[in-house]
Amino acid sequence: ENAAFMMDFFSIEIMDISYLFAPLK
């Protein structure tokens, strides 16, 4: 949906991509 799950080696960072031009962690 509007979330991007990023695998960051040491953590999982979840980004809000509701507005693609300004995603937020």
PDBML (XML) file of the C-alpha atoms, coordinates in Angstrom:
<?xml version="1.0" encoding="UTF-8" ?>
<PDBx:datablock datablockName="MODEL"
   xmlns:PDBx="http://pdbml.pdb.org/schema/pdbx-v50.xsd"
   xmlns:xsi="http://www.w3.org/2001/XMLSchema-instance"
   xsi:schemaLocation="http://pdbml.pdb.org/schema/pdbx-v50.xsd pdbx-v50.xsd">
   <PDBx:atom_siteCategory>
      <PDBx:atom_site id="1">
         <PDBx:B_iso_or_equiv>0.00</PDBx:B_iso_or_equiv>
         <PDBx:Cartn_x>0.000</PDBx:Cartn_x>
         <PDBx:Cartn_y>0.000</PDBx:Cartn_y>
         <PDBx:Cartn_z>0.000</PDBx:Cartn_z>
         <PDBx:auth_asym_id>A</PDBx:auth_asym_id>
         <PDBx:auth_atom_id>CA</PDBx:auth_atom_id>
         <PDBx:auth_comp_id>GLU</PDBx:auth_comp_id>
         <PDBx:auth_seq_id>1</PDBx:auth_seq_id>
         <PDBx:group_PDB>ATOM</PDBx:group_PDB>
         <PDBx:label_alt_id xsi:nil="true" />
         <PDBx:label_asym_id>A</PDBx:label_asym_id>
         <PDBx:label_atom_id>CA</PDBx:label_atom_id>
         <PDBx:label_comp_id>GLU</PDBx:label_comp_id>
         <PDBx:label_entity_id>1</PDBx:label_entity_id>
         <PDBx:label_seq_id>1</PDBx:label_seq_id>
         <PDBx:occupancy>1.00</PDBx:occupancy>
         <PDBx:pdbx_PDB_model_num>1</PDBx:pdbx_PDB_model_num>
         <PDBx:type_symbol>C</PDBx:type_symbol>
      </PDBx:atom_site>
      <PDBx:atom_site id="2">
         <PDBx:B_iso_or_equiv>0.00</PDBx:B_iso_or_equiv>
         <PDBx:Cartn_x>1.551</PDBx:Cartn_x>
         <PDBx:Cartn_y>3.331</PDBx:Cartn_y>
         <PDBx:Cartn_z>1.043</PDBx:Cartn_z>
         <PDBx:auth_asym_id>A</PDBx:auth_asym_id>
         <PDBx:auth_atom_id>CA</PDBx:auth_atom_id>
         <PDBx:auth_comp_id>ASN</PDBx:auth_comp_id>
         <PDBx:auth_seq_id>2</PDBx:auth_seq_id>
         <PDBx:group_PDB>ATOM</PDBx:group_PDB>
         <PDBx:label_alt_id xsi:nil="true" />
         <PDBx:label_asym_id>A</PDBx:label_asym_id>
         <PDBx:label_atom_id>CA</PDBx:label_atom_id>
         <PDBx:label_comp_id>ASN</PDBx:label_comp_id>
         <PDBx:label_entity_id>1</PDBx:label_entity_id>
         <PDBx:label_seq_id>2</PDBx:label_seq_id>
         <PDBx:occupancy>1.00</PDBx:occupancy>
         <PDBx:pdbx_PDB_model_num>1</PDBx:pdbx_PDB_model_num>
         <PDBx:type_symbol>C</PDBx:type_symbol>
      </PDBx:atom_site>
      <PDBx:atom_site id="3">
         <PDBx:B_iso_or_equiv>0.00</PDBx:B_iso_or_equiv>
         <PDBx:Cartn_x>4.481</PDBx:Cartn_x>
         <PDBx:Cartn_y>1.822</PDBx:Cartn_y>
         <PDBx:Cartn_z>2.922</PDBx:Cartn_z>
         <PDBx:auth_asym_id>A</PDBx:auth_asym_id>
         <PDBx:auth_atom_id>CA</PDBx:auth_atom_id>
         <PDBx:auth_comp_id>ALA</PDBx:auth_comp_id>
         <PDBx:auth_seq_id>3</PDBx:auth_seq_id>
         <PDBx:group_PDB>ATOM</PDBx:group_PDB>
         <PDBx:label_alt_id xsi:nil="true" />
         <PDBx:label_asym_id>A</PDBx:label_asym_id>
         <PDBx:label_atom_id>CA</PDBx:label_atom_id>
         <PDBx:label_comp_id>ALA</PDBx:label_comp_id>
         <PDBx:label_entity_id>1</PDBx:label_entity_id>
         <PDBx:label_seq_id>3</PDBx:label_seq_id>
         <PDBx:occupancy>1.00</PDBx:occupancy>
         <PDBx:pdbx_PDB_model_num>1</PDBx:pdbx_PDB_model_num>
         <PDBx:type_symbol>C</PDBx:type_symbol>
      </PDBx:atom_site>
      <PDBx:atom_site id="4">
         <PDBx:B_iso_or_equiv>0.00</PDBx:B_iso_or_equiv>
         <PDBx:Cartn_x>7.992</PDBx:Cartn_x>
         <PDBx:Cartn_y>0.938</PDBx:Cartn_y>
         <PDBx:Cartn_z>1.776</PDBx:Cartn_z>
         <PDBx:auth_asym_id>A</PDBx:auth_asym_id>
         <PDBx:auth_atom_id>CA</PDBx:auth_atom_id>
         <PDBx:auth_comp_id>ALA</PDBx:auth_comp_id>
         <PDBx:auth_seq_id>4</PDBx:auth_seq_id>
         <PDBx:group_PDB>ATOM</PDBx:group_PDB>
         <PDBx:label_alt_id xsi:nil="true" />
         <PDBx:label_asym_id>A</PDBx:label_asym_id>
         <PDBx:label_atom_id>CA</PDBx:label_atom_id>
         <PDBx:label_comp_id>ALA</PDBx:label_comp_id>
         <PDBx:label_entity_id>1</PDBx:label_entity_id>
         <PDBx:label_seq_id>4</PDBx:label_seq_id>
         <PDBx:occupancy>1.00</PDBx:occupancy>
         <PDBx:pdbx_PDB_model_num>1</PDBx:pdbx_PDB_model_num>
         <PDBx:type_symbol>C</PDBx:type_symbol>
      </PDBx:atom_site>
      <PDBx:atom_site id="5">
         <PDBx:B_iso_or_equiv>0.00</PDBx:B_iso_or_equiv>
         <PDBx:Cartn_x>9.900</PDBx:Cartn_x>
         <PDBx:Cartn_y>-1.541</PDBx:Cartn_y>
         <PDBx:Cartn_z>3.945</PDBx:Cartn_z>
         <PDBx:auth_asym_id>A</PDBx:auth_asym_id>
         <PDBx:auth_atom_id>CA</PDBx:auth_atom_id>
         <PDBx:auth_comp_id>PHE</PDBx:auth_comp_id>
         <PDBx:auth_seq_id>5</PDBx:auth_seq_id>
         <PDBx:group_PDB>ATOM</PDBx:group_PDB>
         <PDBx:label_alt_id xsi:nil="true" />
         <PDBx:label_asym_id>A</PDBx:label_asym_id>
         <PDBx:label_atom_id>CA</PDBx:label_atom_id>
         <PDBx:label_comp_id>PHE</PDBx:label_comp_id>
         <PDBx:label_entity_id>1</PDBx:label_entity_id>
         <PDBx:label_seq_id>5</PDBx:label_seq_id>
         <PDBx:occupancy>1.00</PDBx:occupancy>
         <PDBx:pdbx_PDB_model_num>1</PDBx:pdbx_PDB_model_num>
         <PDBx:type_symbol>C</PDBx:type_symbol>
      </PDBx:atom_site>
      <PDBx:atom_site id="6">
         <PDBx:B_iso_or_equiv>0.00</PDBx:B_iso_or_equiv>
         <PDBx:Cartn_x>13.646</PDBx:Cartn_x>
         <PDBx:Cartn_y>-0.960</PDBx:Cartn_y>
         <PDBx:Cartn_z>3.642</PDBx:Cartn_z>
         <PDBx:auth_asym_id>A</PDBx:auth_asym_id>
         <PDBx:auth_atom_id>CA</PDBx:auth_atom_id>
         <PDBx:auth_comp_id>MET</PDBx:auth_comp_id>
         <PDBx:auth_seq_id>6</PDBx:auth_seq_id>
         <PDBx:group_PDB>ATOM</PDBx:group_PDB>
         <PDBx:label_alt_id xsi:nil="true" />
         <PDBx:label_asym_id>A</PDBx:label_asym_id>
         <PDBx:label_atom_id>CA</PDBx:label_atom_id>
         <PDBx:label_comp_id>MET</PDBx:label_comp_id>
         <PDBx:label_entity_id>1</PDBx:label_entity_id>
         <PDBx:label_seq_id>6</PDBx:label_seq_id>
         <PDBx:occupancy>1.00</PDBx:occupancy>
         <PDBx:pdbx_PDB_model_num>1</PDBx:pdbx_PDB_model_num>
         <PDBx:type_symbol>C</PDBx:type_symbol>
      </PDBx:atom_site>
      <PDBx:atom_site id="7">
         <PDBx:B_iso_or_equiv>0.00</PDBx:B_iso_or_equiv>
         <PDBx:Cartn_x>16.196</PDBx:Cartn_x>
         <PDBx:Cartn_y>-3.615</PDBx:Cartn_y>
         <PDBx:Cartn_z>4.635</PDBx:Cartn_z>
         <PDBx:auth_asym_id>A</PDBx:auth_asym_id>
         <PDBx:auth_atom_id>CA</PDBx:auth_atom_id>
         <PDBx:auth_comp_id>MET</PDBx:auth_comp_id>
         <PDBx:auth_seq_id>7</PDBx:auth_seq_id>
         <PDBx:group_PDB>ATOM</PDBx:group_PDB>
         <PDBx:label_alt_id xsi:nil="true" />
         <PDBx:label_asym_id>A</PDBx:label_asym_id>
         <PDBx:label_atom_id>CA</PDBx:label_atom_id>
         <PDBx:label_comp_id>MET</PDBx:label_comp_id>
         <PDBx:label_entity_id>1</PDBx:label_entity_id>
         <PDBx:label_seq_id>7</PDBx:label_seq_id>
         <PDBx:occupancy>1.00</PDBx:occupancy>
         <PDBx:pdbx_PDB_model_num>1</PDBx:pdbx_PDB_model_num>
         <PDBx:type_symbol>C</PDBx:type_symbol>
      </PDBx:atom_site>
      <PDBx:atom_site id="8">
         <PDBx:B_iso_or_equiv>0.00</PDBx:B_iso_or_equiv>
         <PDBx:Cartn_x>19.071</PDBx:Cartn_x>
         <PDBx:Cartn_y>-1.606</PDBx:Cartn_y>
         <PDBx:Cartn_z>6.074</PDBx:Cartn_z>
         <PDBx:auth_asym_id>A</PDBx:auth_asym_id>
         <PDBx:auth_atom_id>CA</PDBx:auth_atom_id>
         <PDBx:auth_comp_id>ASP</PDBx:auth_comp_id>
         <PDBx:auth_seq_id>8</PDBx:auth_seq_id>
         <PDBx:group_PDB>ATOM</PDBx:group_PDB>
         <PDBx:label_alt_id xsi:nil="true" />
         <PDBx:label_asym_id>A</PDBx:label_asym_id>
         <PDBx:label_atom_id>CA</PDBx:label_atom_id>
         <PDBx:label_comp_id>ASP</PDBx:label_comp_id>
         <PDBx:label_entity_id>1</PDBx:label_entity_id>
         <PDBx:label_seq_id>8</PDBx:label_seq_id>
         <PDBx:occupancy>1.00</PDBx:occupancy>
         <PDBx:pdbx_PDB_model_num>1</PDBx:pdbx_PDB_model_num>
         <PDBx:type_symbol>C</PDBx:type_symbol>
      </PDBx:atom_site>
      <PDBx:atom_site id="9">
         <PDBx:B_iso_or_equiv>0.00</PDBx:B_iso_or_equiv>
         <PDBx:Cartn_x>21.467</PDBx:Cartn_x>
         <PDBx:Cartn_y>-4.300</PDBx:Cartn_y>
         <PDBx:Cartn_z>7.357</PDBx:Cartn_z>
         <PDBx:auth_asym_id>A</PDBx:auth_asym_id>
         <PDBx:auth_atom_id>CA</PDBx:auth_atom_id>
         <PDBx:auth_comp_id>PHE</PDBx:auth_comp_id>
         <PDBx:auth_seq_id>9</PDBx:auth_seq_id>
         <PDBx:group_PDB>ATOM</PDBx:group_PDB>
         <PDBx:label_alt_id xsi:nil="true" />
         <PDBx:label_asym_id>A</PDBx:label_asym_id>
         <PDBx:label_atom_id>CA</PDBx:label_atom_id>
         <PDBx:label_comp_id>PHE</PDBx:label_comp_id>
         <PDBx:label_entity_id>1</PDBx:label_entity_id>
         <PDBx:label_seq_id>9</PDBx:label_seq_id>
         <PDBx:occupancy>1.00</PDBx:occupancy>
         <PDBx:pdbx_PDB_model_num>1</PDBx:pdbx_PDB_model_num>
         <PDBx:type_symbol>C</PDBx:type_symbol>
      </PDBx:atom_site>
      <PDBx:atom_site id="10">
         <PDBx:B_iso_or_equiv>0.00</PDBx:B_iso_or_equiv>
         <PDBx:Cartn_x>21.083</PDBx:Cartn_x>
         <PDBx:Cartn_y>-3.161</PDBx:Cartn_y>
         <PDBx:Cartn_z>10.952</PDBx:Cartn_z>
         <PDBx:auth_asym_id>A</PDBx:auth_asym_id>
         <PDBx:auth_atom_id>CA</PDBx:auth_atom_id>
         <PDBx:auth_comp_id>PHE</PDBx:auth_comp_id>
         <PDBx:auth_seq_id>10</PDBx:auth_seq_id>
         <PDBx:group_PDB>ATOM</PDBx:group_PDB>
         <PDBx:label_alt_id xsi:nil="true" />
         <PDBx:label_asym_id>A</PDBx:label_asym_id>
         <PDBx:label_atom_id>CA</PDBx:label_atom_id>
         <PDBx:label_comp_id>PHE</PDBx:label_comp_id>
         <PDBx:label_entity_id>1</PDBx:label_entity_id>
         <PDBx:label_seq_id>10</PDBx:label_seq_id>
         <PDBx:occupancy>1.00</PDBx:occupancy>
         <PDBx:pdbx_PDB_model_num>1</PDBx:pdbx_PDB_model_num>
         <PDBx:type_symbol>C</PDBx:type_symbol>
      </PDBx:atom_site>
      <PDBx:atom_site id="11">
         <PDBx:B_iso_or_equiv>0.00</PDBx:B_iso_or_equiv>
         <PDBx:Cartn_x>17.403</PDBx:Cartn_x>
         <PDBx:Cartn_y>-2.219</PDBx:Cartn_y>
         <PDBx:Cartn_z>10.973</PDBx:Cartn_z>
         <PDBx:auth_asym_id>A</PDBx:auth_asym_id>
         <PDBx:auth_atom_id>CA</PDBx:auth_atom_id>
         <PDBx:auth_comp_id>SER</PDBx:auth_comp_id>
         <PDBx:auth_seq_id>11</PDBx:auth_seq_id>
         <PDBx:group_PDB>ATOM</PDBx:group_PDB>
         <PDBx:label_alt_id xsi:nil="true" />
         <PDBx:label_asym_id>A</PDBx:label_asym_id>
         <PDBx:label_atom_id>CA</PDBx:label_atom_id>
         <PDBx:label_comp_id>SER</PDBx:label_comp_id>
         <PDBx:label_entity_id>1</PDBx:label_entity_id>
         <PDBx:label_seq_id>11</PDBx:label_seq_id>
         <PDBx:occupancy>1.00</PDBx:occupancy>
         <PDBx:pdbx_PDB_model_num>1</PDBx:pdbx_PDB_model_num>
         <PDBx:type_symbol>C</PDBx:type_symbol>
      </PDBx:atom_site>
      <PDBx:atom_site id="12">
         <PDBx:B_iso_or_equiv>0.00</PDBx:B_iso_or_equiv>
         <PDBx:Cartn_x>14.116</PDBx:Cartn_x>
         <PDBx:Cartn_y>-2.217</PDBx:Cartn_y>
         <PDBx:Cartn_z>9.106</PDBx:Cartn_z>
         <PDBx:auth_asym_id>A</PDBx:auth_asym_id>
         <PDBx:auth_atom_id>CA</PDBx:auth_atom_id>
         <PDBx:auth_comp_id>ILE</PDBx:auth_comp_id>
         <PDBx:auth_seq_id>12</PDBx:auth_seq_id>
         <PDBx:group_PDB>ATOM</PDBx:group_PDB>
         <PDBx:label_alt_id xsi:nil="true" />
         <PDBx:label_asym_id>A</PDBx:label_asym_id>
         <PDBx:label_atom_id>CA</PDBx:label_atom_id>
         <PDBx:label_comp_id>ILE</PDBx:label_comp_id>
         <PDBx:label_entity_id>1</PDBx:label_entity_id>
         <PDBx:label_seq_id>12</PDBx:label_seq_id>
         <PDBx:occupancy>1.00</PDBx:occupancy>
         <PDBx:pdbx_PDB_model_num>1</PDBx:pdbx_PDB_model_num>
         <PDBx:type_symbol>C</PDBx:type_symbol>
      </PDBx:atom_site>
      <PDBx:atom_site id="13">
         <PDBx:B_iso_or_equiv>0.00</PDBx:B_iso_or_equiv>
         <PDBx:Cartn_x>13.099</PDBx:Cartn_x>
         <PDBx:Cartn_y>1.293</PDBx:Cartn_y>
         <PDBx:Cartn_z>8.108</PDBx:Cartn_z>
         <PDBx:auth_asym_id>A</PDBx:auth_asym_id>
         <PDBx:auth_atom_id>CA</PDBx:auth_atom_id>
         <PDBx:auth_comp_id>GLU</PDBx:auth_comp_id>
         <PDBx:auth_seq_id>13</PDBx:auth_seq_id>
         <PDBx:group_PDB>ATOM</PDBx:group_PDB>
         <PDBx:label_alt_id xsi:nil="true" />
         <PDBx:label_asym_id>A</PDBx:label_asym_id>
         <PDBx:label_atom_id>CA</PDBx:label_atom_id>
         <PDBx:label_comp_id>GLU</PDBx:label_comp_id>
         <PDBx:label_entity_id>1</PDBx:label_entity_id>
         <PDBx:label_seq_id>13</PDBx:label_seq_id>
         <PDBx:occupancy>1.00</PDBx:occupancy>
         <PDBx:pdbx_PDB_model_num>1</PDBx:pdbx_PDB_model_num>
         <PDBx:type_symbol>C</PDBx:type_symbol>
      </PDBx:atom_site>
      <PDBx:atom_site id="14">
         <PDBx:B_iso_or_equiv>0.00</PDBx:B_iso_or_equiv>
         <PDBx:Cartn_x>9.456</PDBx:Cartn_x>
         <PDBx:Cartn_y>1.880</PDBx:Cartn_y>
         <PDBx:Cartn_z>7.187</PDBx:Cartn_z>
         <PDBx:auth_asym_id>A</PDBx:auth_asym_id>
         <PDBx:auth_atom_id>CA</PDBx:auth_atom_id>
         <PDBx:auth_comp_id>ILE</PDBx:auth_comp_id>
         <PDBx:auth_seq_id>14</PDBx:auth_seq_id>
         <PDBx:group_PDB>ATOM</PDBx:group_PDB>
         <PDBx:label_alt_id xsi:nil="true" />
         <PDBx:label_asym_id>A</PDBx:label_asym_id>
         <PDBx:label_atom_id>CA</PDBx:label_atom_id>
         <PDBx:label_comp_id>ILE</PDBx:label_comp_id>
         <PDBx:label_entity_id>1</PDBx:label_entity_id>
         <PDBx:label_seq_id>14</PDBx:label_seq_id>
         <PDBx:occupancy>1.00</PDBx:occupancy>
         <PDBx:pdbx_PDB_model_num>1</PDBx:pdbx_PDB_model_num>
         <PDBx:type_symbol>C</PDBx:type_symbol>
      </PDBx:atom_site>
      <PDBx:atom_site id="15">
         <PDBx:B_iso_or_equiv>0.00</PDBx:B_iso_or_equiv>
         <PDBx:Cartn_x>8.716</PDBx:Cartn_x>
         <PDBx:Cartn_y>4.815</PDBx:Cartn_y>
         <PDBx:Cartn_z>4.891</PDBx:Cartn_z>
         <PDBx:auth_asym_id>A</PDBx:auth_asym_id>
         <PDBx:auth_atom_id>CA</PDBx:auth_atom_id>
         <PDBx:auth_comp_id>MET</PDBx:auth_comp_id>
         <PDBx:auth_seq_id>15</PDBx:auth_seq_id>
         <PDBx:group_PDB>ATOM</PDBx:group_PDB>
         <PDBx:label_alt_id xsi:nil="true" />
         <PDBx:label_asym_id>A</PDBx:label_asym_id>
         <PDBx:label_atom_id>CA</PDBx:label_atom_id>
         <PDBx:label_comp_id>MET</PDBx:label_comp_id>
         <PDBx:label_entity_id>1</PDBx:label_entity_id>
         <PDBx:label_seq_id>15</PDBx:label_seq_id>
         <PDBx:occupancy>1.00</PDBx:occupancy>
         <PDBx:pdbx_PDB_model_num>1</PDBx:pdbx_PDB_model_num>
         <PDBx:type_symbol>C</PDBx:type_symbol>
      </PDBx:atom_site>
      <PDBx:atom_site id="16">
         <PDBx:B_iso_or_equiv>0.00</PDBx:B_iso_or_equiv>
         <PDBx:Cartn_x>5.385</PDBx:Cartn_x>
         <PDBx:Cartn_y>6.489</PDBx:Cartn_y>
         <PDBx:Cartn_z>4.198</PDBx:Cartn_z>
         <PDBx:auth_asym_id>A</PDBx:auth_asym_id>
         <PDBx:auth_atom_id>CA</PDBx:auth_atom_id>
         <PDBx:auth_comp_id>ASP</PDBx:auth_comp_id>
         <PDBx:auth_seq_id>16</PDBx:auth_seq_id>
         <PDBx:group_PDB>ATOM</PDBx:group_PDB>
         <PDBx:label_alt_id xsi:nil="true" />
         <PDBx:label_asym_id>A</PDBx:label_asym_id>
         <PDBx:label_atom_id>CA</PDBx:label_atom_id>
         <PDBx:label_comp_id>ASP</PDBx:label_comp_id>
         <PDBx:label_entity_id>1</PDBx:label_entity_id>
         <PDBx:label_seq_id>16</PDBx:label_seq_id>
         <PDBx:occupancy>1.00</PDBx:occupancy>
         <PDBx:pdbx_PDB_model_num>1</PDBx:pdbx_PDB_model_num>
         <PDBx:type_symbol>C</PDBx:type_symbol>
      </PDBx:atom_site>
      <PDBx:atom_site id="17">
         <PDBx:B_iso_or_equiv>0.00</PDBx:B_iso_or_equiv>
         <PDBx:Cartn_x>5.171</PDBx:Cartn_x>
         <PDBx:Cartn_y>6.882</PDBx:Cartn_y>
         <PDBx:Cartn_z>0.404</PDBx:Cartn_z>
         <PDBx:auth_asym_id>A</PDBx:auth_asym_id>
         <PDBx:auth_atom_id>CA</PDBx:auth_atom_id>
         <PDBx:auth_comp_id>ILE</PDBx:auth_comp_id>
         <PDBx:auth_seq_id>17</PDBx:auth_seq_id>
         <PDBx:group_PDB>ATOM</PDBx:group_PDB>
         <PDBx:label_alt_id xsi:nil="true" />
         <PDBx:label_asym_id>A</PDBx:label_asym_id>
         <PDBx:label_atom_id>CA</PDBx:label_atom_id>
         <PDBx:label_comp_id>ILE</PDBx:label_comp_id>
         <PDBx:label_entity_id>1</PDBx:label_entity_id>
         <PDBx:label_seq_id>17</PDBx:label_seq_id>
         <PDBx:occupancy>1.00</PDBx:occupancy>
         <PDBx:pdbx_PDB_model_num>1</PDBx:pdbx_PDB_model_num>
         <PDBx:type_symbol>C</PDBx:type_symbol>
      </PDBx:atom_site>
      <PDBx:atom_site id="18">
         <PDBx:B_iso_or_equiv>0.00</PDBx:B_iso_or_equiv>
         <PDBx:Cartn_x>1.647</PDBx:Cartn_x>
         <PDBx:Cartn_y>8.319</PDBx:Cartn_y>
         <PDBx:Cartn_z>0.275</PDBx:Cartn_z>
         <PDBx:auth_asym_id>A</PDBx:auth_asym_id>
         <PDBx:auth_atom_id>CA</PDBx:auth_atom_id>
         <PDBx:auth_comp_id>SER</PDBx:auth_comp_id>
         <PDBx:auth_seq_id>18</PDBx:auth_seq_id>
         <PDBx:group_PDB>ATOM</PDBx:group_PDB>
         <PDBx:label_alt_id xsi:nil="true" />
         <PDBx:label_asym_id>A</PDBx:label_asym_id>
         <PDBx:label_atom_id>CA</PDBx:label_atom_id>
         <PDBx:label_comp_id>SER</PDBx:label_comp_id>
         <PDBx:label_entity_id>1</PDBx:label_entity_id>
         <PDBx:label_seq_id>18</PDBx:label_seq_id>
         <PDBx:occupancy>1.00</PDBx:occupancy>
         <PDBx:pdbx_PDB_model_num>1</PDBx:pdbx_PDB_model_num>
         <PDBx:type_symbol>C</PDBx:type_symbol>
      </PDBx:atom_site>
      <PDBx:atom_site id="19">
         <PDBx:B_iso_or_equiv>0.00</PDBx:B_iso_or_equiv>
         <PDBx:Cartn_x>3.151</PDBx:Cartn_x>
         <PDBx:Cartn_y>11.344</PDBx:Cartn_y>
         <PDBx:Cartn_z>-1.432</PDBx:Cartn_z>
         <PDBx:auth_asym_id>A</PDBx:auth_asym_id>
         <PDBx:auth_atom_id>CA</PDBx:auth_atom_id>
         <PDBx:auth_comp_id>TYR</PDBx:auth_comp_id>
         <PDBx:auth_seq_id>19</PDBx:auth_seq_id>
         <PDBx:group_PDB>ATOM</PDBx:group_PDB>
         <PDBx:label_alt_id xsi:nil="true" />
         <PDBx:label_asym_id>A</PDBx:label_asym_id>
         <PDBx:label_atom_id>CA</PDBx:label_atom_id>
         <PDBx:label_comp_id>TYR</PDBx:label_comp_id>
         <PDBx:label_entity_id>1</PDBx:label_entity_id>
         <PDBx:label_seq_id>19</PDBx:label_seq_id>
         <PDBx:occupancy>1.00</PDBx:occupancy>
         <PDBx:pdbx_PDB_model_num>1</PDBx:pdbx_PDB_model_num>
         <PDBx:type_symbol>C</PDBx:type_symbol>
      </PDBx:atom_site>
      <PDBx:atom_site id="20">
         <PDBx:B_iso_or_equiv>0.00</PDBx:B_iso_or_equiv>
         <PDBx:Cartn_x>5.890</PDBx:Cartn_x>
         <PDBx:Cartn_y>10.026</PDBx:Cartn_y>
         <PDBx:Cartn_z>-3.717</PDBx:Cartn_z>
         <PDBx:auth_asym_id>A</PDBx:auth_asym_id>
         <PDBx:auth_atom_id>CA</PDBx:auth_atom_id>
         <PDBx:auth_comp_id>LEU</PDBx:auth_comp_id>
         <PDBx:auth_seq_id>20</PDBx:auth_seq_id>
         <PDBx:group_PDB>ATOM</PDBx:group_PDB>
         <PDBx:label_alt_id xsi:nil="true" />
         <PDBx:label_asym_id>A</PDBx:label_asym_id>
         <PDBx:label_atom_id>CA</PDBx:label_atom_id>
         <PDBx:label_comp_id>LEU</PDBx:label_comp_id>
         <PDBx:label_entity_id>1</PDBx:label_entity_id>
         <PDBx:label_seq_id>20</PDBx:label_seq_id>
         <PDBx:occupancy>1.00</PDBx:occupancy>
         <PDBx:pdbx_PDB_model_num>1</PDBx:pdbx_PDB_model_num>
         <PDBx:type_symbol>C</PDBx:type_symbol>
      </PDBx:atom_site>
      <PDBx:atom_site id="21">
         <PDBx:B_iso_or_equiv>0.00</PDBx:B_iso_or_equiv>
         <PDBx:Cartn_x>7.615</PDBx:Cartn_x>
         <PDBx:Cartn_y>13.377</PDBx:Cartn_y>
         <PDBx:Cartn_z>-4.051</PDBx:Cartn_z>
         <PDBx:auth_asym_id>A</PDBx:auth_asym_id>
         <PDBx:auth_atom_id>CA</PDBx:auth_atom_id>
         <PDBx:auth_comp_id>PHE</PDBx:auth_comp_id>
         <PDBx:auth_seq_id>21</PDBx:auth_seq_id>
         <PDBx:group_PDB>ATOM</PDBx:group_PDB>
         <PDBx:label_alt_id xsi:nil="true" />
         <PDBx:label_asym_id>A</PDBx:label_asym_id>
         <PDBx:label_atom_id>CA</PDBx:label_atom_id>
         <PDBx:label_comp_id>PHE</PDBx:label_comp_id>
         <PDBx:label_entity_id>1</PDBx:label_entity_id>
         <PDBx:label_seq_id>21</PDBx:label_seq_id>
         <PDBx:occupancy>1.00</PDBx:occupancy>
         <PDBx:pdbx_PDB_model_num>1</PDBx:pdbx_PDB_model_num>
         <PDBx:type_symbol>C</PDBx:type_symbol>
      </PDBx:atom_site>
      <PDBx:atom_site id="22">
         <PDBx:B_iso_or_equiv>0.00</PDBx:B_iso_or_equiv>
         <PDBx:Cartn_x>8.145</PDBx:Cartn_x>
         <PDBx:Cartn_y>13.684</PDBx:Cartn_y>
         <PDBx:Cartn_z>-0.298</PDBx:Cartn_z>
         <PDBx:auth_asym_id>A</PDBx:auth_asym_id>
         <PDBx:auth_atom_id>CA</PDBx:auth_atom_id>
         <PDBx:auth_comp_id>ALA</PDBx:auth_comp_id>
         <PDBx:auth_seq_id>22</PDBx:auth_seq_id>
         <PDBx:group_PDB>ATOM</PDBx:group_PDB>
         <PDBx:label_alt_id xsi:nil="true" />
         <PDBx:label_asym_id>A</PDBx:label_asym_id>
         <PDBx:label_atom_id>CA</PDBx:label_atom_id>
         <PDBx:label_comp_id>ALA</PDBx:label_comp_id>
         <PDBx:label_entity_id>1</PDBx:label_entity_id>
         <PDBx:label_seq_id>22</PDBx:label_seq_id>
         <PDBx:occupancy>1.00</PDBx:occupancy>
         <PDBx:pdbx_PDB_model_num>1</PDBx:pdbx_PDB_model_num>
         <PDBx:type_symbol>C</PDBx:type_symbol>
      </PDBx:atom_site>
      <PDBx:atom_site id="23">
         <PDBx:B_iso_or_equiv>0.00</PDBx:B_iso_or_equiv>
         <PDBx:Cartn_x>8.292</PDBx:Cartn_x>
         <PDBx:Cartn_y>10.263</PDBx:Cartn_y>
         <PDBx:Cartn_z>1.417</PDBx:Cartn_z>
         <PDBx:auth_asym_id>A</PDBx:auth_asym_id>
         <PDBx:auth_atom_id>CA</PDBx:auth_atom_id>
         <PDBx:auth_comp_id>PRO</PDBx:auth_comp_id>
         <PDBx:auth_seq_id>23</PDBx:auth_seq_id>
         <PDBx:group_PDB>ATOM</PDBx:group_PDB>
         <PDBx:label_alt_id xsi:nil="true" />
         <PDBx:label_asym_id>A</PDBx:label_asym_id>
         <PDBx:label_atom_id>CA</PDBx:label_atom_id>
         <PDBx:label_comp_id>PRO</PDBx:label_comp_id>
         <PDBx:label_entity_id>1</PDBx:label_entity_id>
         <PDBx:label_seq_id>23</PDBx:label_seq_id>
         <PDBx:occupancy>1.00</PDBx:occupancy>
         <PDBx:pdbx_PDB_model_num>1</PDBx:pdbx_PDB_model_num>
         <PDBx:type_symbol>C</PDBx:type_symbol>
      </PDBx:atom_site>
      <PDBx:atom_site id="24">
         <PDBx:B_iso_or_equiv>0.00</PDBx:B_iso_or_equiv>
         <PDBx:Cartn_x>8.644</PDBx:Cartn_x>
         <PDBx:Cartn_y>10.246</PDBx:Cartn_y>
         <PDBx:Cartn_z>5.193</PDBx:Cartn_z>
         <PDBx:auth_asym_id>A</PDBx:auth_asym_id>
         <PDBx:auth_atom_id>CA</PDBx:auth_atom_id>
         <PDBx:auth_comp_id>LEU</PDBx:auth_comp_id>
         <PDBx:auth_seq_id>24</PDBx:auth_seq_id>
         <PDBx:group_PDB>ATOM</PDBx:group_PDB>
         <PDBx:label_alt_id xsi:nil="true" />
         <PDBx:label_asym_id>A</PDBx:label_asym_id>
         <PDBx:label_atom_id>CA</PDBx:label_atom_id>
         <PDBx:label_comp_id>LEU</PDBx:label_comp_id>
         <PDBx:label_entity_id>1</PDBx:label_entity_id>
         <PDBx:label_seq_id>24</PDBx:label_seq_id>
         <PDBx:occupancy>1.00</PDBx:occupancy>
         <PDBx:pdbx_PDB_model_num>1</PDBx:pdbx_PDB_model_num>
         <PDBx:type_symbol>C</PDBx:type_symbol>
      </PDBx:atom_site>
      <PDBx:atom_site id="25">
         <PDBx:B_iso_or_equiv>0.00</PDBx:B_iso_or_equiv>
         <PDBx:Cartn_x>10.323</PDBx:Cartn_x>
         <PDBx:Cartn_y>7.811</PDBx:Cartn_y>
         <PDBx:Cartn_z>7.568</PDBx:Cartn_z>
         <PDBx:auth_asym_id>A</PDBx:auth_asym_id>
         <PDBx:auth_atom_id>CA</PDBx:auth_atom_id>
         <PDBx:auth_comp_id>LYS</PDBx:auth_comp_id>
         <PDBx:auth_seq_id>25</PDBx:auth_seq_id>
         <PDBx:group_PDB>ATOM</PDBx:group_PDB>
         <PDBx:label_alt_id xsi:nil="true" />
         <PDBx:label_asym_id>A</PDBx:label_asym_id>
         <PDBx:label_atom_id>CA</PDBx:label_atom_id>
         <PDBx:label_comp_id>LYS</PDBx:label_comp_id>
         <PDBx:label_entity_id>1</PDBx:label_entity_id>
         <PDBx:label_seq_id>25</PDBx:label_seq_id>
         <PDBx:occupancy>1.00</PDBx:occupancy>
         <PDBx:pdbx_PDB_model_num>1</PDBx:pdbx_PDB_model_num>
         <PDBx:type_symbol>C</PDBx:type_symbol>
      </PDBx:atom_site>
   </PDBx:atom_siteCategory>
</PDBx:datablock>
